[in-house]
Amino acid sequence: MSEPSAGSAHSLPENKVAIEDLRRRYNRLRIWLFIFLALMPLGCAGPLTLLALIPGLPKTAFVITSFALPVVGLAGTLLMGGDRSIVKRALAGAQQAERMGLHFSQYTGGVAEAKRWQSLQMFGGADEHDSGGNLLWGEIDGERISFEDYVFVLGMGQNRSSHSRTLITLPEAARGLPDFLLTPNDWREKLSKLLGDRTIDFSNEPAFARQFTVRGPAPDAVRACFSPEVIELCMADKHLIAEVQNGVLAIRPHGKLSHPKSYPELANHAVRLAKALRNAAQRQALEGSAPTR
C-alpha cells in the first residue's frame, strides 16, 4: 500500500494569525524569564552593594530587600518557565498544522469538549476528563483526523494526579466496524487475564497475541477485522493503544505528549490502519455474502 499523503499544503489564514500571536507571546515570556533569572543574583547583590557603598541607608530595609528580590526572581522564573513551555508547544503545533494543511486551535471546549471522549475505554480508569487544547484537525488522504492534548485525572484528594496524553481521532474512519480495544500486554493486562478477564482469542497469531490484548463485545467480527495487514501495522508499534467505538477510531500513542514533529508519521500510520481495518471488514462481508456452490 502506498503511503497516504498529508493534507493540502495551502496556507490557512487562521494558522498564520495563531503563529504570529504565539511568537509574540513566546518572545515576551522569554524577556520576562531573563529578567527574573537576573533578579536572583542581582536582587541579592545589588542592595547589599549599595548598603556597603552608601553610608546612612536603612540597613534593615536593604537586607530584607536583598532576601526578597531573589525569592521573587525564583518564583517568576518558575512561572515564566512553565508558561514558556506551554506556549512553545502550542507554537510547534500551529507550525505543524500549517505544514500539514490542517487547522489549529490552542484552546478547545475544556471539560465540555473532553466529554466527547470520556466513554473511551482507553481512559476508562479516569476520574475526570479535560481537554488540554492544541487541537489540529482536517483531512489527510480522504480521512478526517484530529490531534489534541488530552488531560485526564486519576485519584481523588491527596492521591489526585493529572496526566496529559496525545489523542488521535478519526471520527468517520471506522463506520460499520465492530467496537474493540487494543492494548499492549503489560503487567496490568497479564494480571487481568490471570484474574479471569475475558479477551478475544488470537492464538492463531502467537506473536501478535504475546504483544497485544484485544477486547470487544463481538469476538468473531473483531477477529475478522485483524487481517495480516492490520496485524503487521499493529506490530510496527509495540506500544499501540487503539480503540474503535461507534464508528470512531481513536489512537493513543506511547508516552505522554507526542511532539508535533511526529504528527505526520503518526497520521500516516493511523490512516493506513483505518483503511486496512475497513478493507478487512469489507472482504469478510463479501466472503460471507458470496453464494455457496
C-alpha atoms as a PDB file:
ATOM      1  CA  MET A   1       0.000   0.000   0.000  1.00  0.00           C
ATOM      2  CA  SER A   2       1.295   3.424  -0.886  1.00  0.00           C
ATOM      3  CA  GLU A   3       1.908   5.977   1.840  1.00  0.00           C
ATOM      4  CA  PRO A   4      -1.047   8.318   2.359  1.00  0.00           C
ATOM      5  CA  SER A   5      -0.436  11.949   1.586  1.00  0.00           C
ATOM      6  CA  ALA A   6      -0.763  14.738   4.114  1.00  0.00           C
ATOM      7  CA  GLY A   7      -3.370  17.452   3.822  1.00  0.00           C
ATOM      8  CA  SER A   8      -3.039  20.092   1.171  1.00  0.00           C
ATOM      9  CA  ALA A   9      -0.135  22.431   1.752  1.00  0.00           C
ATOM     10  CA  HIS A  10      -2.153  25.621   1.202  1.00  0.00           C
ATOM     11  CA  SER A  11      -1.770  28.207   3.920  1.00  0.00           C
ATOM     12  CA  LEU A  12      -4.707  28.774   6.271  1.00  0.00           C
ATOM     13  CA  PRO A  13      -5.226  32.389   7.448  1.00  0.00           C
ATOM     14  CA  GLU A  14      -6.187  31.384  10.991  1.00  0.00           C
ATOM     15  CA  ASN A  15      -2.970  29.399  11.330  1.00  0.00           C
ATOM     16  CA  LYS A  16      -0.884  32.417  10.325  1.00  0.00           C
ATOM     17  CA  VAL A  17      -2.672  34.568  12.899  1.00  0.00           C
ATOM     18  CA  ALA A  18      -2.141  31.929  15.601  1.00  0.00           C
ATOM     19  CA  ILE A  19       1.564  31.523  14.736  1.00  0.00           C
ATOM     20  CA  GLU A  20       2.224  35.266  14.826  1.00  0.00           C
ATOM     21  CA  ASP A  21       0.376  35.653  18.144  1.00  0.00           C
ATOM     22  CA  LEU A  22       2.183  32.717  19.731  1.00  0.00           C
ATOM     23  CA  ARG A  23       5.562  34.011  18.556  1.00  0.00           C
ATOM     24  CA  ARG A  24       4.877  37.386  20.168  1.00  0.00           C
ATOM     25  CA  ARG A  25       3.813  35.713  23.411  1.00  0.00           C
ATOM     26  CA  TYR A  26       6.857  33.441  23.361  1.00  0.00           C
ATOM     27  CA  ASN A  27       9.238  36.385  22.881  1.00  0.00           C
ATOM     28  CA  ARG A  28       7.597  38.353  25.700  1.00  0.00           C
ATOM     29  CA  LEU A  29       7.836  35.394  28.031  1.00  0.00           C
ATOM     30  CA  ARG A  30      11.495  34.895  27.101  1.00  0.00           C
ATOM     31  CA  ILE A  31      12.267  38.524  28.013  1.00  0.00           C
ATOM     32  CA  TRP A  32      10.489  38.193  31.347  1.00  0.00           C
ATOM     33  CA  LEU A  33      12.289  34.918  32.000  1.00  0.00           C
ATOM     34  CA  PHE A  34      15.684  36.596  31.551  1.00  0.00           C
ATOM     35  CA  ILE A  35      14.576  39.450  33.834  1.00  0.00           C
ATOM     36  CA  PHE A  36      13.548  37.083  36.617  1.00  0.00           C
ATOM     37  CA  LEU A  37      16.694  34.990  36.166  1.00  0.00           C
ATOM     38  CA  ALA A  38      18.834  38.118  36.515  1.00  0.00           C
ATOM     39  CA  LEU A  39      16.834  39.186  39.547  1.00  0.00           C
ATOM     40  CA  MET A  40      18.054  36.238  41.600  1.00  0.00           C
ATOM     41  CA  PRO A  41      21.774  37.178  41.754  1.00  0.00           C
ATOM     42  CA  LEU A  42      21.358  40.925  41.182  1.00  0.00           C
ATOM     43  CA  GLY A  43      18.470  41.227  43.630  1.00  0.00           C
ATOM     44  CA  CYS A  44      20.734  39.935  46.374  1.00  0.00           C
ATOM     45  CA  ALA A  45      24.000  41.603  45.376  1.00  0.00           C
ATOM     46  CA  GLY A  46      22.525  44.981  44.373  1.00  0.00           C
ATOM     47  CA  PRO A  47      21.015  46.110  47.723  1.00  0.00           C
ATOM     48  CA  LEU A  48      23.990  44.786  49.706  1.00  0.00           C
ATOM     49  CA  THR A  49      26.426  46.604  47.398  1.00  0.00           C
ATOM     50  CA  LEU A  50      24.507  49.879  47.756  1.00  0.00           C
ATOM     51  CA  LEU A  51      24.404  49.388  51.516  1.00  0.00           C
ATOM     52  CA  ALA A  52      28.180  48.977  51.600  1.00  0.00           C
ATOM     53  CA  LEU A  53      28.919  51.919  49.276  1.00  0.00           C
ATOM     54  CA  ILE A  54      26.441  54.486  50.572  1.00  0.00           C
ATOM     55  CA  PRO A  55      26.536  55.185  54.318  1.00  0.00           C
ATOM     56  CA  GLY A  56      23.314  56.029  56.105  1.00  0.00           C
ATOM     57  CA  LEU A  57      20.959  53.862  54.088  1.00  0.00           C
ATOM     58  CA  PRO A  58      18.305  51.978  56.125  1.00  0.00           C
ATOM     59  CA  LYS A  59      20.123  48.731  56.793  1.00  0.00           C
ATOM     60  CA  THR A  60      17.102  46.632  57.746  1.00  0.00           C
ATOM     61  CA  ALA A  61      15.110  47.544  54.641  1.00  0.00           C
ATOM     62  CA  PHE A  62      18.015  46.817  52.290  1.00  0.00           C
ATOM     63  CA  VAL A  63      18.822  43.484  53.955  1.00  0.00           C
ATOM     64  CA  ILE A  64      15.176  42.401  53.688  1.00  0.00           C
ATOM     65  CA  THR A  65      15.135  43.522  50.050  1.00  0.00           C
ATOM     66  CA  SER A  66      18.275  41.501  49.319  1.00  0.00           C
ATOM     67  CA  PHE A  67      16.452  38.388  50.522  1.00  0.00           C
ATOM     68  CA  ALA A  68      13.051  39.204  48.978  1.00  0.00           C
ATOM     69  CA  LEU A  69      14.152  40.014  45.429  1.00  0.00           C
ATOM     70  CA  PRO A  70      15.842  36.618  44.775  1.00  0.00           C
ATOM     71  CA  VAL A  71      12.675  34.886  46.034  1.00  0.00           C
ATOM     72  CA  VAL A  72      10.609  36.968  43.613  1.00  0.00           C
ATOM     73  CA  GLY A  73      13.117  36.117  40.894  1.00  0.00           C
ATOM     74  CA  LEU A  74      12.862  32.382  41.606  1.00  0.00           C
ATOM     75  CA  ALA A  75       9.051  32.428  41.649  1.00  0.00           C
ATOM     76  CA  GLY A  76       8.942  34.452  38.434  1.00  0.00           C
ATOM     77  CA  THR A  77      11.458  32.140  36.752  1.00  0.00           C
ATOM     78  CA  LEU A  78       9.367  29.077  37.581  1.00  0.00           C
ATOM     79  CA  LEU A  79       6.166  30.777  36.437  1.00  0.00           C
ATOM     80  CA  MET A  80       7.618  32.138  33.192  1.00  0.00           C
ATOM     81  CA  GLY A  81       9.378  28.839  32.503  1.00  0.00           C
ATOM     82  CA  GLY A  82       6.096  26.940  32.783  1.00  0.00           C
ATOM     83  CA  ASP A  83       4.186  29.427  30.635  1.00  0.00           C
ATOM     84  CA  ARG A  84       7.007  29.447  28.094  1.00  0.00           C
ATOM     85  CA  SER A  85       6.820  25.635  27.765  1.00  0.00           C
ATOM     86  CA  ILE A  86       3.057  25.828  27.193  1.00  0.00           C
ATOM     87  CA  VAL A  87       3.387  28.499  24.507  1.00  0.00           C
ATOM     88  CA  LYS A  88       6.342  26.702  22.908  1.00  0.00           C
ATOM     89  CA  ARG A  89       4.299  23.516  22.486  1.00  0.00           C
ATOM     90  CA  ALA A  90       1.337  25.455  21.102  1.00  0.00           C
ATOM     91  CA  LEU A  91       3.609  27.241  18.620  1.00  0.00           C
ATOM     92  CA  ALA A  92       5.096  23.915  17.471  1.00  0.00           C
ATOM     93  CA  GLY A  93       1.563  22.563  16.995  1.00  0.00           C
ATOM     94  CA  ALA A  94       0.445  25.600  14.981  1.00  0.00           C
ATOM     95  CA  GLN A  95       3.532  25.403  12.759  1.00  0.00           C
ATOM     96  CA  GLN A  96       2.991  21.688  12.188  1.00  0.00           C
ATOM     97  CA  ALA A  97      -0.666  22.290  11.343  1.00  0.00           C
ATOM     98  CA  GLU A  98       0.449  24.846   8.737  1.00  0.00           C
ATOM     99  CA  ARG A  99       2.891  22.350   7.215  1.00  0.00           C
ATOM    100  CA  MET A 100       0.275  19.567   7.120  1.00  0.00           C
ATOM    101  CA  GLY A 101      -2.552  21.736   5.789  1.00  0.00           C
ATOM    102  CA  LEU A 102      -4.602  21.246   8.960  1.00  0.00           C
ATOM    103  CA  HIS A 103      -6.497  23.738  11.108  1.00  0.00           C
ATOM    104  CA  PHE A 104      -5.166  24.702  14.540  1.00  0.00           C
ATOM    105  CA  SER A 105      -6.721  25.967  17.748  1.00  0.00           C
ATOM    106  CA  GLN A 106      -4.803  26.338  21.003  1.00  0.00           C
ATOM    107  CA  TYR A 107      -7.948  26.301  23.111  1.00  0.00           C
ATOM    108  CA  THR A 108     -10.859  23.899  22.876  1.00  0.00           C
ATOM    109  CA  GLY A 109     -14.018  23.478  24.890  1.00  0.00           C
ATOM    110  CA  GLY A 110     -12.229  22.249  28.006  1.00  0.00           C
ATOM    111  CA  VAL A 111     -14.256  19.807  30.088  1.00  0.00           C
ATOM    112  CA  ALA A 112     -17.298  20.065  27.826  1.00  0.00           C
ATOM    113  CA  GLU A 113     -15.196  19.185  24.768  1.00  0.00           C
ATOM    114  CA  ALA A 114     -13.456  16.322  26.554  1.00  0.00           C
ATOM    115  CA  LYS A 115     -16.783  14.680  27.434  1.00  0.00           C
ATOM    116  CA  ARG A 116     -16.941  13.514  23.826  1.00  0.00           C
ATOM    117  CA  TRP A 117     -14.224  11.002  24.614  1.00  0.00           C
ATOM    118  CA  GLN A 118     -14.896  10.110  28.258  1.00  0.00           C
ATOM    119  CA  SER A 119     -16.666   6.920  27.154  1.00  0.00           C
ATOM    120  CA  LEU A 120     -13.476   5.606  25.511  1.00  0.00           C
ATOM    121  CA  GLN A 121     -12.266   2.512  27.339  1.00  0.00           C
ATOM    122  CA  MET A 122      -8.635   3.615  26.938  1.00  0.00           C
ATOM    123  CA  PHE A 123      -9.461   6.299  29.523  1.00  0.00           C
ATOM    124  CA  GLY A 124     -11.849   4.078  31.459  1.00  0.00           C
ATOM    125  CA  GLY A 125      -9.969   4.384  34.736  1.00  0.00           C
ATOM    126  CA  ALA A 126     -10.019   8.195  34.737  1.00  0.00           C
ATOM    127  CA  ASP A 127     -11.955  10.059  37.424  1.00  0.00           C
ATOM    128  CA  GLU A 128     -12.116  13.338  35.491  1.00  0.00           C
ATOM    129  CA  HIS A 129     -11.643  14.397  31.871  1.00  0.00           C
ATOM    130  CA  ASP A 130     -10.438  17.666  30.366  1.00  0.00           C
ATOM    131  CA  SER A 131      -9.083  18.970  27.086  1.00  0.00           C
ATOM    132  CA  GLY A 132      -5.582  20.339  27.105  1.00  0.00           C
ATOM    133  CA  GLY A 133      -6.102  22.076  23.771  1.00  0.00           C
ATOM    134  CA  ASN A 134      -3.600  22.335  20.908  1.00  0.00           C
ATOM    135  CA  LEU A 135      -6.153  20.871  18.536  1.00  0.00           C
ATOM    136  CA  LEU A 136      -5.179  20.104  14.951  1.00  0.00           C
ATOM    137  CA  TRP A 137      -7.920  18.936  12.634  1.00  0.00           C
ATOM    138  CA  GLY A 138      -8.605  18.470   8.961  1.00  0.00           C
ATOM    139  CA  GLU A 139      -8.329  15.820   6.281  1.00  0.00           C
ATOM    140  CA  ILE A 140      -5.457  13.547   5.277  1.00  0.00           C
ATOM    141  CA  ASP A 141      -5.748  11.199   2.316  1.00  0.00           C
ATOM    142  CA  GLY A 142      -9.530  11.422   2.419  1.00  0.00           C
ATOM    143  CA  GLU A 143      -9.771  10.720   6.163  1.00  0.00           C
ATOM    144  CA  ARG A 144     -10.940  13.270   8.705  1.00  0.00           C
ATOM    145  CA  ILE A 145      -8.410  13.324  11.531  1.00  0.00           C
ATOM    146  CA  SER A 146      -7.601  15.335  14.642  1.00  0.00           C
ATOM    147  CA  PHE A 147      -4.765  15.584  17.162  1.00  0.00           C
ATOM    148  CA  GLU A 148      -5.219  17.025  20.634  1.00  0.00           C
ATOM    149  CA  ASP A 149      -3.593  17.160  24.044  1.00  0.00           C
ATOM    150  CA  TYR A 150      -5.972  15.201  26.246  1.00  0.00           C
ATOM    151  CA  VAL A 151      -5.931  15.604  30.024  1.00  0.00           C
ATOM    152  CA  PHE A 152      -7.380  13.126  32.498  1.00  0.00           C
ATOM    153  CA  VAL A 153      -7.237  12.842  36.277  1.00  0.00           C
ATOM    154  CA  LEU A 154      -6.658   9.716  38.335  1.00  0.00           C
ATOM    155  CA  GLY A 155      -7.495   9.511  42.026  1.00  0.00           C
ATOM    156  CA  MET A 156      -9.101  11.940  44.410  1.00  0.00           C
ATOM    157  CA  GLY A 157      -7.901  14.241  47.171  1.00  0.00           C
ATOM    158  CA  GLN A 158      -4.256  13.769  48.115  1.00  0.00           C
ATOM    159  CA  ASN A 159      -3.962  10.898  45.606  1.00  0.00           C
ATOM    160  CA  ARG A 160      -5.186  13.064  42.732  1.00  0.00           C
ATOM    161  CA  SER A 161      -2.803  13.210  39.744  1.00  0.00           C
ATOM    162  CA  SER A 162      -3.222  14.840  36.336  1.00  0.00           C
ATOM    163  CA  HIS A 163      -1.951  13.188  33.154  1.00  0.00           C
ATOM    164  CA  SER A 164      -1.593  14.513  29.593  1.00  0.00           C
ATOM    165  CA  ARG A 165      -1.614  12.329  26.503  1.00  0.00           C
ATOM    166  CA  THR A 166      -1.775  12.855  22.769  1.00  0.00           C
ATOM    167  CA  LEU A 167      -5.090  11.613  21.390  1.00  0.00           C
ATOM    168  CA  ILE A 168      -5.593  10.952  17.671  1.00  0.00           C
ATOM    169  CA  THR A 169      -9.150  10.502  16.442  1.00  0.00           C
ATOM    170  CA  LEU A 170     -10.559   9.619  13.037  1.00  0.00           C
ATOM    171  CA  PRO A 171     -14.275  10.311  13.575  1.00  0.00           C
ATOM    172  CA  GLU A 172     -15.601   8.635  10.428  1.00  0.00           C
ATOM    173  CA  ALA A 173     -12.943   6.046   9.691  1.00  0.00           C
ATOM    174  CA  ALA A 174     -14.487   3.066  11.474  1.00  0.00           C
ATOM    175  CA  ARG A 175     -18.122   3.228  10.416  1.00  0.00           C
ATOM    176  CA  GLY A 176     -19.549  -0.271  10.237  1.00  0.00           C
ATOM    177  CA  LEU A 177     -16.667  -1.791  12.209  1.00  0.00           C
ATOM    178  CA  PRO A 178     -17.248  -3.645  15.492  1.00  0.00           C
ATOM    179  CA  ASP A 179     -16.180  -1.934  18.708  1.00  0.00           C
ATOM    180  CA  PHE A 180     -12.888  -3.126  20.208  1.00  0.00           C
ATOM    181  CA  LEU A 181      -9.981  -2.006  22.365  1.00  0.00           C
ATOM    182  CA  LEU A 182      -6.392  -2.995  21.605  1.00  0.00           C
ATOM    183  CA  THR A 183      -3.744  -2.535  24.318  1.00  0.00           C
ATOM    184  CA  PRO A 184      -0.151  -3.697  24.813  1.00  0.00           C
ATOM    185  CA  ASN A 185       0.376  -6.737  27.003  1.00  0.00           C
ATOM    186  CA  ASP A 186       1.894  -5.007  30.029  1.00  0.00           C
ATOM    187  CA  TRP A 187       1.858  -6.365  33.597  1.00  0.00           C
ATOM    188  CA  ARG A 188      -1.643  -4.998  34.220  1.00  0.00           C
ATOM    189  CA  GLU A 189      -3.069  -6.897  31.269  1.00  0.00           C
ATOM    190  CA  LYS A 190      -1.308 -10.087  32.304  1.00  0.00           C
ATOM    191  CA  LEU A 191      -2.671  -9.755  35.834  1.00  0.00           C
ATOM    192  CA  SER A 192      -6.154  -9.063  34.479  1.00  0.00           C
ATOM    193  CA  LYS A 193      -6.026 -12.249  32.402  1.00  0.00           C
ATOM    194  CA  LEU A 194      -4.886 -14.268  35.411  1.00  0.00           C
ATOM    195  CA  LEU A 195      -7.927 -12.952  37.280  1.00  0.00           C
ATOM    196  CA  GLY A 196     -10.215 -14.278  34.552  1.00  0.00           C
ATOM    197  CA  ASP A 197     -10.778 -11.216  32.370  1.00  0.00           C
ATOM    198  CA  ARG A 198     -12.277 -12.286  29.048  1.00  0.00           C
ATOM    199  CA  THR A 199     -10.315 -11.276  25.964  1.00  0.00           C
ATOM    200  CA  ILE A 200     -10.511 -12.153  22.279  1.00  0.00           C
ATOM    201  CA  ASP A 201      -8.503 -15.224  21.329  1.00  0.00           C
ATOM    202  CA  PHE A 202      -5.736 -14.662  18.778  1.00  0.00           C
ATOM    203  CA  SER A 203      -3.867 -17.912  19.399  1.00  0.00           C
ATOM    204  CA  ASN A 204      -3.595 -18.358  15.612  1.00  0.00           C
ATOM    205  CA  GLU A 205      -1.313 -15.272  15.656  1.00  0.00           C
ATOM    206  CA  PRO A 206       1.077 -16.112  18.533  1.00  0.00           C
ATOM    207  CA  ALA A 207       3.452 -13.162  18.073  1.00  0.00           C
ATOM    208  CA  PHE A 208       0.530 -10.725  17.995  1.00  0.00           C
ATOM    209  CA  ALA A 209      -1.125 -12.431  20.977  1.00  0.00           C
ATOM    210  CA  ARG A 210       2.079 -12.121  23.004  1.00  0.00           C
ATOM    211  CA  GLN A 211       2.294  -8.413  22.263  1.00  0.00           C
ATOM    212  CA  PHE A 212      -1.348  -7.262  22.454  1.00  0.00           C
ATOM    213  CA  THR A 213      -4.662  -7.854  24.180  1.00  0.00           C
ATOM    214  CA  VAL A 214      -7.904  -7.237  22.296  1.00  0.00           C
ATOM    215  CA  ARG A 215     -11.340  -6.873  23.861  1.00  0.00           C
ATOM    216  CA  GLY A 216     -14.723  -6.418  22.257  1.00  0.00           C
ATOM    217  CA  PRO A 217     -18.373  -7.473  22.529  1.00  0.00           C
ATOM    218  CA  ALA A 218     -18.321  -9.310  19.170  1.00  0.00           C
ATOM    219  CA  PRO A 219     -15.185 -11.514  19.103  1.00  0.00           C
ATOM    220  CA  ASP A 220     -15.784 -13.118  15.698  1.00  0.00           C
ATOM    221  CA  ALA A 221     -16.453  -9.792  13.985  1.00  0.00           C
ATOM    222  CA  VAL A 222     -13.386  -8.229  15.614  1.00  0.00           C
ATOM    223  CA  ARG A 223     -11.130 -11.127  14.634  1.00  0.00           C
ATOM    224  CA  ALA A 224     -12.309 -10.755  11.032  1.00  0.00           C
ATOM    225  CA  CYS A 225     -11.010  -7.151  11.027  1.00  0.00           C
ATOM    226  CA  PHE A 226      -7.498  -8.202  12.010  1.00  0.00           C
ATOM    227  CA  SER A 227      -6.119  -9.200   8.656  1.00  0.00           C
ATOM    228  CA  PRO A 228      -2.388  -9.861   8.180  1.00  0.00           C
ATOM    229  CA  GLU A 229      -2.015  -6.238   7.071  1.00  0.00           C
ATOM    230  CA  VAL A 230      -3.725  -4.910  10.210  1.00  0.00           C
ATOM    231  CA  ILE A 231      -1.633  -7.167  12.424  1.00  0.00           C
ATOM    232  CA  GLU A 232       1.546  -6.006  10.658  1.00  0.00           C
ATOM    233  CA  LEU A 233       0.600  -2.355  11.258  1.00  0.00           C
ATOM    234  CA  CYS A 234      -0.089  -3.062  14.934  1.00  0.00           C
ATOM    235  CA  MET A 235       3.194  -4.907  15.365  1.00  0.00           C
ATOM    236  CA  ALA A 236       5.034  -1.926  13.866  1.00  0.00           C
ATOM    237  CA  ASP A 237       4.178  -0.011  17.054  1.00  0.00           C
ATOM    238  CA  LYS A 238       4.519  -2.347  20.023  1.00  0.00           C
ATOM    239  CA  HIS A 239       3.073   0.256  22.396  1.00  0.00           C
ATOM    240  CA  LEU A 240      -0.021   0.958  20.292  1.00  0.00           C
ATOM    241  CA  ILE A 241      -3.328   1.647  22.043  1.00  0.00           C
ATOM    242  CA  ALA A 242      -6.217   1.744  19.574  1.00  0.00           C
ATOM    243  CA  GLU A 243      -9.966   1.690  20.007  1.00  0.00           C
ATOM    244  CA  VAL A 244     -13.000   1.597  17.759  1.00  0.00           C
ATOM    245  CA  GLN A 245     -16.197   2.929  19.305  1.00  0.00           C
ATOM    246  CA  ASN A 246     -19.363   3.906  17.479  1.00  0.00           C
ATOM    247  CA  GLY A 247     -17.559   4.343  14.182  1.00  0.00           C
ATOM    248  CA  VAL A 248     -14.680   6.403  15.630  1.00  0.00           C
ATOM    249  CA  LEU A 249     -11.089   5.169  15.520  1.00  0.00           C
ATOM    250  CA  ALA A 250      -9.107   6.557  18.469  1.00  0.00           C
ATOM    251  CA  ILE A 251      -5.360   6.080  18.905  1.00  0.00           C
ATOM    252  CA  ARG A 252      -3.223   6.941  21.907  1.00  0.00           C
ATOM    253  CA  PRO A 253       0.484   6.979  21.023  1.00  0.00           C
ATOM    254  CA  HIS A 254       3.038   5.714  23.507  1.00  0.00           C
ATOM    255  CA  GLY A 255       4.331   8.090  26.154  1.00  0.00           C
ATOM    256  CA  LYS A 256       2.938  11.343  27.455  1.00  0.00           C
ATOM    257  CA  LEU A 257       2.667  14.032  24.801  1.00  0.00           C
ATOM    258  CA  SER A 258       3.960  13.334  21.303  1.00  0.00           C
ATOM    259  CA  HIS A 259       5.999  16.135  19.787  1.00  0.00           C
ATOM    260  CA  PRO A 260       4.194  17.785  16.854  1.00  0.00           C
ATOM    261  CA  LYS A 261       7.150  16.857  14.627  1.00  0.00           C
ATOM    262  CA  SER A 262       5.972  13.236  14.875  1.00  0.00           C
ATOM    263  CA  TYR A 263       2.402  14.040  13.764  1.00  0.00           C
ATOM    264  CA  PRO A 264       2.919  13.318  10.035  1.00  0.00           C
ATOM    265  CA  GLU A 265       4.275   9.852  10.790  1.00  0.00           C
ATOM    266  CA  LEU A 266       1.532   9.200  13.348  1.00  0.00           C
ATOM    267  CA  ALA A 267      -1.112  10.416  10.905  1.00  0.00           C
ATOM    268  CA  ASN A 268       0.170   8.142   8.142  1.00  0.00           C
ATOM    269  CA  HIS A 269       0.114   5.137  10.460  1.00  0.00           C
ATOM    270  CA  ALA A 270      -3.401   5.970  11.714  1.00  0.00           C
ATOM    271  CA  VAL A 271      -4.786   6.412   8.186  1.00  0.00           C
ATOM    272  CA  ARG A 272      -3.192   3.186   6.973  1.00  0.00           C
ATOM    273  CA  LEU A 273      -4.599   1.335   9.980  1.00  0.00           C
ATOM    274  CA  ALA A 274      -8.095   2.727   9.359  1.00  0.00           C
ATOM    275  CA  LYS A 275      -8.045   1.713   5.694  1.00  0.00           C
ATOM    276  CA  ALA A 276      -6.672  -1.747   6.490  1.00  0.00           C
ATOM    277  CA  LEU A 277      -9.391  -2.361   9.104  1.00  0.00           C
ATOM    278  CA  ARG A 278     -12.125  -1.329   6.666  1.00  0.00           C
ATOM    279  CA  ASN A 279     -10.652  -3.423   3.857  1.00  0.00           C
ATOM    280  CA  ALA A 280     -10.547  -6.491   6.091  1.00  0.00           C
ATOM    281  CA  ALA A 281     -14.139  -5.961   7.212  1.00  0.00           C
ATOM    282  CA  GLN A 282     -15.308  -5.484   3.618  1.00  0.00           C
ATOM    283  CA  ARG A 283     -13.544  -8.650   2.454  1.00  0.00           C
ATOM    284  CA  GLN A 284     -15.152 -10.586   5.270  1.00  0.00           C
ATOM    285  CA  ALA A 285     -18.573  -9.192   4.347  1.00  0.00           C
ATOM    286  CA  LEU A 286     -18.107 -10.143   0.685  1.00  0.00           C
ATOM    287  CA  GLU A 287     -16.974 -13.639   1.582  1.00  0.00           C
ATOM    288  CA  GLY A 288     -19.920 -14.032   3.925  1.00  0.00           C
ATOM    289  CA  SER A 289     -22.416 -12.898   1.292  1.00  0.00           C
ATOM    290  CA  ALA A 290     -20.908 -14.960  -1.548  1.00  0.00           C
ATOM    291  CA  PRO A 291     -23.234 -17.772  -2.679  1.00  0.00           C
ATOM    292  CA  THR A 292     -22.106 -21.297  -1.887  1.00  0.00           C
ATOM    293  CA  ARG A 293     -21.751 -23.790  -4.676  1.00  0.00           C
END
